[in-house]
């Protein structure tokens, strides 16, 4: 297996960017106290990111995926991110199994 140097540089650069943003975010959260409005605003970020990831699937795939995206969206309003995503995965699996 050969690894192109440009690919390796891209992977390392993405790793550095990811670590930098995580460490910077962690540092900033410890240094500042957030107000009630800011905490509420940050509380809706995980469901918004989840929808940004699954929305293209809902629009470009079949009915099973579209229904699963809707289930995920509604689950994300009440559940943490992982169980909401799990509900969508289970939904699409069941719908595909019955031939939808």
Foldseek 3Di string as FASTA:
>chain_A
DDDDPVNVVVVVVVVVVVVVVVVVVVVVPVVDDDDPVVVVVVVCVLLVVVCVVLVVVLVPDDPQSVVLSVQLSVCVVPDPNPVSNVSSVVSSVVCVVVPD
